[in-house]
Amino acid sequence: MEIMSNSCNKSKILIFGGTGYFGKHVVRASTSFGHPTFVFVRPATAQMPPSSLQLRGEFRSLGVTLVQGELEEHEKMVSVLKQVDIVISVLPVSAVPDQIKIIDAIIAAGNIKRFLPSEFGCEMDRITPPLPPFEALLEKKKKIRRLIEASTIPYTFVSSNCCAAYFVNFLLHPHDPRPDIVVYGTGEAKAVLNWEQDIAKYTIKVANDPRTRNRVVIYRPPGNIISQNELISSWEKKTGRRFEKVCVQEDELIKLSQSLPSPDNIAVSIVHSVFVRGDLMSLDLDEDDLEASCLYPEIEYTTMDQVLDIFLVDPPEPSRAALE
């Protein structure tokens, strides 16, 4: 297959997982920055939900090239990779180990200028081990990191912290106006909640930046550092309502992480890590660290106050897909 493009001065970007919860934002950001954008997708089937077909139609209207194939089709991937410059993987949690197939194809192609694996989330090499279900997931991601570092593939590892829309829906339930809100632990631990569209914009900038080659970039805009108690207080002020706080203690989360099936046990372990232990803010940034809002001050990121304003007017639909 021959990929044609009129945008000669822009990097060609191939995205794996581009039709997923976060992946669609990366695809949109890539096209908004003018990059010839290609998405490796599974072949369409009659059983595919209408929402997936609609998203593929949107991508085509944006000028995206959809490359239909499976990760097992090594030669097809190599053929496509030889015609692009940058590869971004936003495959879901369940497909993290499958990135080994992408790495093998990138090595065989031999021309990729940058690879961003499906990491995002916390900076996994700099936090103390979380609860076992989450730790097991991080170990799979670390294995991919070590493989990339041991290869000749130029990379950037991204620590984007939490998706704001996902966790606002999870914590505040704006689509289900109930009188209570669950507070995990004391509610005082600081987290970093970044608007999905902003994470996507930073990711495209990072992928094309020579300063980020073979580095880790952390997305920690100061306006998005917030505790659960602060989030609830802001929501109460904006809605004019008062919510009853139902506390879930740390020991209960630990028990749930041990008894629930996957992926629910992973989700509980992430909640424990983020909102009880405060792992996203446990590492101090120094002058050698690369932080996205400092690298790209021209991007006006969406603060958590602005995110809550969006939820007041037109709240995004909740989704489980971000943790599956």
Protein backbone atom coordinates (compact mmCIF):
# COMPACT_ATOMS: atom_id res chain seq x y z
CA MET A 1 0.00 0.00 0.00
CA GLU A 2 1.30 3.45 -0.95
CA ILE A 3 0.69 6.36 1.41
CA MET A 4 0.42 9.68 -0.39
CA SER A 5 0.57 13.11 1.21
CA ASN A 6 0.66 16.74 0.15
CA SER A 7 2.06 17.89 3.51
CA CYS A 8 5.73 17.44 2.74
CA ASN A 9 7.08 19.39 5.72
CA LYS A 10 5.11 17.60 8.42
CA SER A 11 5.99 14.31 10.04
CA LYS A 12 3.79 11.41 9.01
CA ILE A 13 2.27 9.87 12.14
CA LEU A 14 0.96 6.31 12.46
CA ILE A 15 -1.27 5.63 15.47
CA PHE A 16 -2.12 2.24 16.95
CA GLY A 17 -5.27 2.19 19.09
CA GLY A 18 -6.58 5.37 17.53
CA THR A 19 -10.24 4.37 17.81
CA GLY A 20 -10.08 3.85 21.59
CA TYR A 21 -11.16 6.11 24.47
CA PHE A 22 -8.00 8.24 24.47
CA GLY A 23 -6.71 7.31 21.02
CA LYS A 24 -9.39 9.26 19.19
CA HIS A 25 -8.18 12.47 20.86
CA VAL A 26 -4.61 11.79 19.69
CA VAL A 27 -5.84 11.27 16.12
CA ARG A 28 -7.78 14.55 16.21
CA ALA A 29 -4.80 16.42 17.69
CA SER A 30 -2.47 15.04 15.02
CA THR A 31 -4.72 16.26 12.21
CA SER A 32 -5.27 19.63 13.93
CA PHE A 33 -1.49 20.20 13.86
CA GLY A 34 -1.48 19.38 10.14
CA HIS A 35 0.30 16.03 10.27
CA PRO A 36 -0.52 13.39 7.68
CA THR A 37 -2.18 10.92 10.04
CA PHE A 38 -2.67 7.18 9.68
CA VAL A 39 -4.50 4.84 12.02
CA PHE A 40 -3.89 1.10 12.10
CA VAL A 41 -7.30 -0.47 12.74
CA ARG A 42 -8.85 -3.89 12.72
CA PRO A 43 -10.86 -4.70 9.59
CA ALA A 44 -14.46 -3.51 9.78
CA THR A 45 -17.08 -6.19 10.46
CA ALA A 46 -20.87 -6.37 10.40
CA GLN A 47 -20.82 -6.76 14.19
CA MET A 48 -18.98 -3.47 14.71
CA PRO A 49 -21.05 -1.00 16.80
CA PRO A 50 -22.43 2.07 14.98
CA SER A 51 -20.30 4.38 17.17
CA SER A 52 -17.12 2.77 15.84
CA LEU A 53 -18.24 3.11 12.24
CA GLN A 54 -19.19 6.73 12.90
CA LEU A 55 -15.75 7.45 14.38
CA ARG A 56 -14.05 5.93 11.35
CA GLY A 57 -16.21 8.12 9.15
CA GLU A 58 -15.16 11.18 11.15
CA PHE A 59 -11.51 10.25 10.74
CA ARG A 60 -11.90 9.94 6.98
CA SER A 61 -13.56 13.37 6.87
CA LEU A 62 -10.48 14.76 8.64
CA GLY A 63 -8.23 13.27 5.97
CA VAL A 64 -7.01 10.36 8.10
CA THR A 65 -5.84 7.24 6.29
CA LEU A 66 -7.22 4.08 7.88
CA VAL A 67 -4.93 1.09 7.47
CA GLN A 68 -6.88 -2.10 8.13
CA GLY A 69 -4.92 -4.99 9.55
CA GLU A 70 -4.02 -7.09 12.57
CA LEU A 71 -0.95 -6.83 14.79
CA GLU A 72 -0.06 -10.37 13.71
CA GLU A 73 0.43 -9.14 10.12
CA HIS A 74 4.11 -8.35 10.47
CA GLU A 75 4.87 -7.69 6.80
CA LYS A 76 1.89 -5.36 6.42
CA MET A 77 2.99 -3.33 9.45
CA VAL A 78 6.55 -3.12 8.17
CA SER A 79 5.31 -1.94 4.78
CA VAL A 80 3.26 0.85 6.36
CA LEU A 81 5.98 1.80 8.87
CA LYS A 82 8.48 2.35 6.06
CA GLN A 83 6.26 5.17 4.78
CA VAL A 84 5.82 7.11 8.06
CA ASP A 85 8.08 8.94 10.50
CA ILE A 86 6.52 8.66 13.95
CA VAL A 87 4.62 5.87 15.70
CA ILE A 88 2.30 6.45 18.66
CA SER A 89 0.73 3.54 20.49
CA VAL A 90 -2.40 4.18 22.53
CA LEU A 91 -3.43 0.55 22.75
CA PRO A 92 -5.65 -0.32 25.72
CA VAL A 93 -4.43 -1.90 28.94
CA SER A 94 -5.35 -5.39 27.76
CA ALA A 95 -3.15 -5.04 24.67
CA VAL A 96 0.01 -3.64 26.32
CA PRO A 97 2.03 -6.87 25.73
CA ASP A 98 1.06 -6.82 22.04
CA GLN A 99 3.34 -3.83 21.57
CA ILE A 100 6.21 -6.28 21.25
CA LYS A 101 4.85 -6.97 17.75
CA ILE A 102 4.96 -3.24 16.96
CA ILE A 103 8.53 -3.01 18.25
CA ASP A 104 9.60 -5.96 16.07
CA ALA A 105 8.03 -4.28 13.03
CA ILE A 106 9.67 -0.92 13.82
CA ILE A 107 13.08 -2.60 14.08
CA ALA A 108 12.51 -4.38 10.77
CA ALA A 109 11.41 -1.14 9.06
CA GLY A 110 14.49 0.70 10.34
CA ASN A 111 13.33 4.24 9.57
CA ILE A 112 11.13 5.39 12.46
CA LYS A 113 12.29 8.68 13.97
CA ARG A 114 10.29 8.37 17.21
CA PHE A 115 8.16 5.81 19.02
CA LEU A 116 5.79 6.63 21.88
CA PRO A 117 4.58 3.39 23.52
CA SER A 118 1.25 3.12 25.31
CA GLU A 119 2.33 4.25 28.76
CA PHE A 120 0.79 7.56 29.80
CA GLY A 121 -0.47 7.41 33.41
CA CYS A 122 2.12 7.65 36.21
CA GLU A 123 5.90 7.78 35.88
CA MET A 124 6.31 4.07 36.55
CA ASP A 125 10.07 4.02 37.18
CA ARG A 126 9.83 6.58 40.00
CA ILE A 127 6.98 5.44 42.24
CA THR A 128 7.06 2.87 45.00
CA PRO A 129 5.26 -0.37 44.09
CA PRO A 130 1.46 0.04 44.23
CA LEU A 131 -1.09 -2.69 45.05
CA PRO A 132 -0.40 -6.00 43.22
CA PRO A 133 -2.99 -5.70 40.37
CA PHE A 134 -1.68 -2.26 39.36
CA GLU A 135 1.92 -3.30 39.94
CA ALA A 136 1.45 -6.26 37.57
CA LEU A 137 0.22 -3.88 34.86
CA LEU A 138 3.17 -1.54 35.43
CA GLU A 139 5.56 -4.47 35.18
CA LYS A 140 4.16 -5.26 31.72
CA LYS A 141 4.69 -1.64 30.69
CA LYS A 142 8.19 -1.61 32.17
CA LYS A 143 9.05 -4.68 30.11
CA ILE A 144 8.11 -2.75 26.97
CA ARG A 145 10.24 0.19 28.15
CA ARG A 146 13.28 -1.98 28.69
CA LEU A 147 12.87 -3.59 25.25
CA ILE A 148 12.74 -0.18 23.60
CA GLU A 149 15.72 1.14 25.56
CA ALA A 150 17.74 -1.93 24.57
CA SER A 151 16.91 -1.41 20.89
CA THR A 152 18.00 1.31 18.49
CA ILE A 153 14.50 2.84 18.36
CA PRO A 154 14.37 6.57 19.22
CA TYR A 155 11.67 6.94 21.86
CA THR A 156 9.80 9.26 24.17
CA PHE A 157 8.11 7.94 27.30
CA VAL A 158 5.06 9.92 28.41
CA SER A 159 3.76 10.33 31.95
CA SER A 160 0.46 12.09 31.27
CA ASN A 161 -1.08 11.36 34.69
CA CYS A 162 -4.92 11.01 34.85
CA CYS A 163 -7.59 11.72 32.25
CA ALA A 164 -9.74 14.50 33.73
CA ALA A 165 -13.05 13.71 32.02
CA TYR A 166 -12.82 10.05 32.96
CA PHE A 167 -12.14 10.75 36.63
CA VAL A 168 -14.60 13.62 37.00
CA ASN A 169 -17.28 11.24 35.77
CA PHE A 170 -15.98 8.52 38.07
CA LEU A 171 -15.74 10.71 41.17
CA LEU A 172 -18.59 13.20 40.81
CA HIS A 173 -21.20 11.28 38.77
CA PRO A 174 -22.57 14.39 37.01
CA HIS A 175 -24.80 12.20 34.80
CA ASP A 176 -26.35 10.58 37.88
CA PRO A 177 -27.37 13.35 40.29
CA ARG A 178 -27.09 11.49 43.58
CA PRO A 179 -26.94 13.10 47.05
CA ASP A 180 -23.62 11.51 48.01
CA ILE A 181 -20.04 11.40 46.74
CA VAL A 182 -17.52 8.74 47.68
CA VAL A 183 -14.24 9.99 49.16
CA TYR A 184 -11.28 7.63 48.98
CA GLY A 185 -8.99 7.73 51.99
CA THR A 186 -8.86 11.19 53.56
CA GLY A 187 -9.48 12.98 50.26
CA GLU A 188 -6.38 15.12 50.85
CA ALA A 189 -3.92 13.37 48.51
CA LYS A 190 -3.02 15.53 45.51
CA ALA A 191 -3.59 14.15 42.02
CA VAL A 192 -2.95 15.47 38.49
CA LEU A 193 -6.04 15.47 36.26
CA ASN A 194 -5.43 16.57 32.68
CA TRP A 195 -8.10 17.22 30.05
CA GLU A 196 -7.92 14.46 27.44
CA GLN A 197 -7.68 16.87 24.49
CA ASP A 198 -4.73 18.64 26.13
CA ILE A 199 -2.93 15.35 26.79
CA ALA A 200 -3.35 14.57 23.10
CA LYS A 201 -1.97 17.96 22.00
CA TYR A 202 1.06 17.64 24.27
CA THR A 203 1.63 14.12 22.93
CA ILE A 204 1.81 15.28 19.32
CA LYS A 205 4.17 18.11 20.29
CA VAL A 206 6.37 15.72 22.29
CA ALA A 207 6.55 13.24 19.41
CA ASN A 208 8.01 15.89 17.10
CA ASP A 209 10.36 17.63 19.56
CA PRO A 210 14.11 16.89 19.34
CA ARG A 211 14.44 17.88 23.03
CA THR A 212 12.33 14.89 24.07
CA ARG A 213 14.25 12.23 22.15
CA ASN A 214 15.04 9.29 24.45
CA ARG A 215 13.56 11.14 27.43
CA VAL A 216 10.60 10.93 29.77
CA VAL A 217 8.12 13.84 29.64
CA ILE A 218 5.77 14.48 32.56
CA TYR A 219 2.48 16.31 32.07
CA ARG A 220 1.95 18.29 35.27
CA PRO A 221 0.37 21.69 34.57
CA PRO A 222 0.04 23.59 37.88
CA GLY A 223 -3.66 24.34 37.33
CA ASN A 224 -4.47 20.63 37.25
CA ILE A 225 -3.02 19.58 40.60
CA ILE A 226 -5.99 18.97 42.87
CA SER A 227 -7.15 16.82 45.78
CA GLN A 228 -10.43 14.97 45.84
CA ASN A 229 -11.72 17.22 48.62
CA GLU A 230 -10.86 20.31 46.57
CA LEU A 231 -12.58 18.83 43.54
CA ILE A 232 -15.76 18.15 45.51
CA SER A 233 -15.71 21.63 47.08
CA SER A 234 -15.37 23.28 43.66
CA TRP A 235 -18.21 21.15 42.28
CA GLU A 236 -20.45 22.09 45.19
CA LYS A 237 -19.81 25.79 44.58
CA LYS A 238 -20.50 25.50 40.86
CA THR A 239 -23.68 23.43 41.24
CA GLY A 240 -24.98 25.15 44.38
CA ARG A 241 -25.46 21.74 45.97
CA ARG A 242 -24.07 20.07 49.09
CA PHE A 243 -23.10 16.42 48.92
CA GLU A 244 -22.88 13.85 51.67
CA LYS A 245 -19.37 12.40 51.75
CA VAL A 246 -19.19 8.63 52.02
CA CYS A 247 -15.68 7.61 53.04
CA VAL A 248 -14.01 4.47 51.72
CA GLN A 249 -10.96 3.74 53.83
CA GLU A 250 -7.65 2.43 52.55
CA ASP A 251 -8.05 -1.04 54.04
CA GLU A 252 -11.36 -1.49 52.19
CA LEU A 253 -9.72 -0.61 48.87
CA ILE A 254 -6.94 -3.08 49.57
CA LYS A 255 -9.50 -5.85 50.22
CA LEU A 256 -11.38 -4.98 47.03
CA SER A 257 -8.16 -5.12 45.02
CA GLN A 258 -7.68 -8.66 46.30
CA SER A 259 -11.23 -9.91 45.68
CA LEU A 260 -12.51 -8.22 42.52
CA PRO A 261 -11.94 -9.74 39.05
CA SER A 262 -9.91 -7.98 36.36
CA PRO A 263 -10.12 -5.21 35.24
CA ASP A 264 -12.04 -3.99 38.31
CA ASN A 265 -9.18 -4.96 40.63
CA ILE A 266 -6.81 -2.86 38.50
CA ALA A 267 -9.19 0.10 38.64
CA VAL A 268 -9.43 -0.12 42.44
CA SER A 269 -5.62 -0.34 42.67
CA ILE A 270 -5.24 2.77 40.51
CA VAL A 271 -7.74 4.66 42.69
CA HIS A 272 -5.70 3.63 45.74
CA SER A 273 -2.46 4.76 44.11
CA VAL A 274 -3.80 8.10 42.87
CA PHE A 275 -6.28 9.21 45.52
CA VAL A 276 -5.03 7.53 48.70
CA ARG A 277 -1.25 7.34 48.32
CA GLY A 278 -0.93 10.40 46.08
CA ASP A 279 1.58 8.67 43.81
CA LEU A 280 1.19 11.17 40.95
CA MET A 281 2.69 13.90 43.16
CA SER A 282 5.12 11.71 45.09
CA LEU A 283 8.06 12.55 42.84
CA ASP A 284 9.69 15.96 42.88
CA LEU A 285 10.58 17.50 39.53
CA ASP A 286 14.04 18.95 39.20
CA GLU A 287 15.75 21.00 36.50
CA ASP A 288 16.61 17.88 34.51
CA ASP A 289 12.98 16.77 34.25
CA LEU A 290 10.91 17.69 31.21
CA GLU A 291 7.42 18.97 32.05
CA ALA A 292 4.95 19.50 29.21
CA SER A 293 3.37 22.83 30.19
CA CYS A 294 6.87 24.32 30.57
CA LEU A 295 8.06 22.87 27.26
CA TYR A 296 5.00 24.17 25.37
CA PRO A 297 3.75 27.40 27.00
CA GLU A 298 2.00 28.26 23.72
CA ILE A 299 -0.60 25.57 24.46
CA GLU A 300 -3.31 27.01 26.69
CA TYR A 301 -4.18 23.95 28.69
CA THR A 302 -7.59 23.44 30.27
CA THR A 303 -7.48 23.92 34.04
CA MET A 304 -9.57 21.77 36.35
CA ASP A 305 -11.76 24.79 37.08
CA GLN A 306 -12.47 25.06 33.35
CA VAL A 307 -13.06 21.29 33.11
CA LEU A 308 -15.79 21.55 35.75
CA ASP A 309 -17.34 24.45 33.82
CA ILE A 310 -17.50 22.15 30.78
CA PHE A 311 -19.22 19.49 32.86
CA LEU A 312 -21.82 22.02 33.99
CA VAL A 313 -22.81 22.82 30.41
CA ASP A 314 -22.12 19.70 28.35
CA PRO A 315 -20.68 16.83 30.43
CA PRO A 316 -18.79 14.19 28.42
CA GLU A 317 -20.31 10.73 28.60
CA PRO A 318 -18.78 8.39 31.20
CA SER A 319 -16.68 5.50 29.98
CA ARG A 320 -15.04 2.42 31.47
CA ALA A 321 -12.77 2.02 28.48
CA ALA A 322 -9.93 4.14 29.85
CA LEU A 323 -9.00 1.44 32.36
CA GLU A 324 -9.77 -1.66 30.29
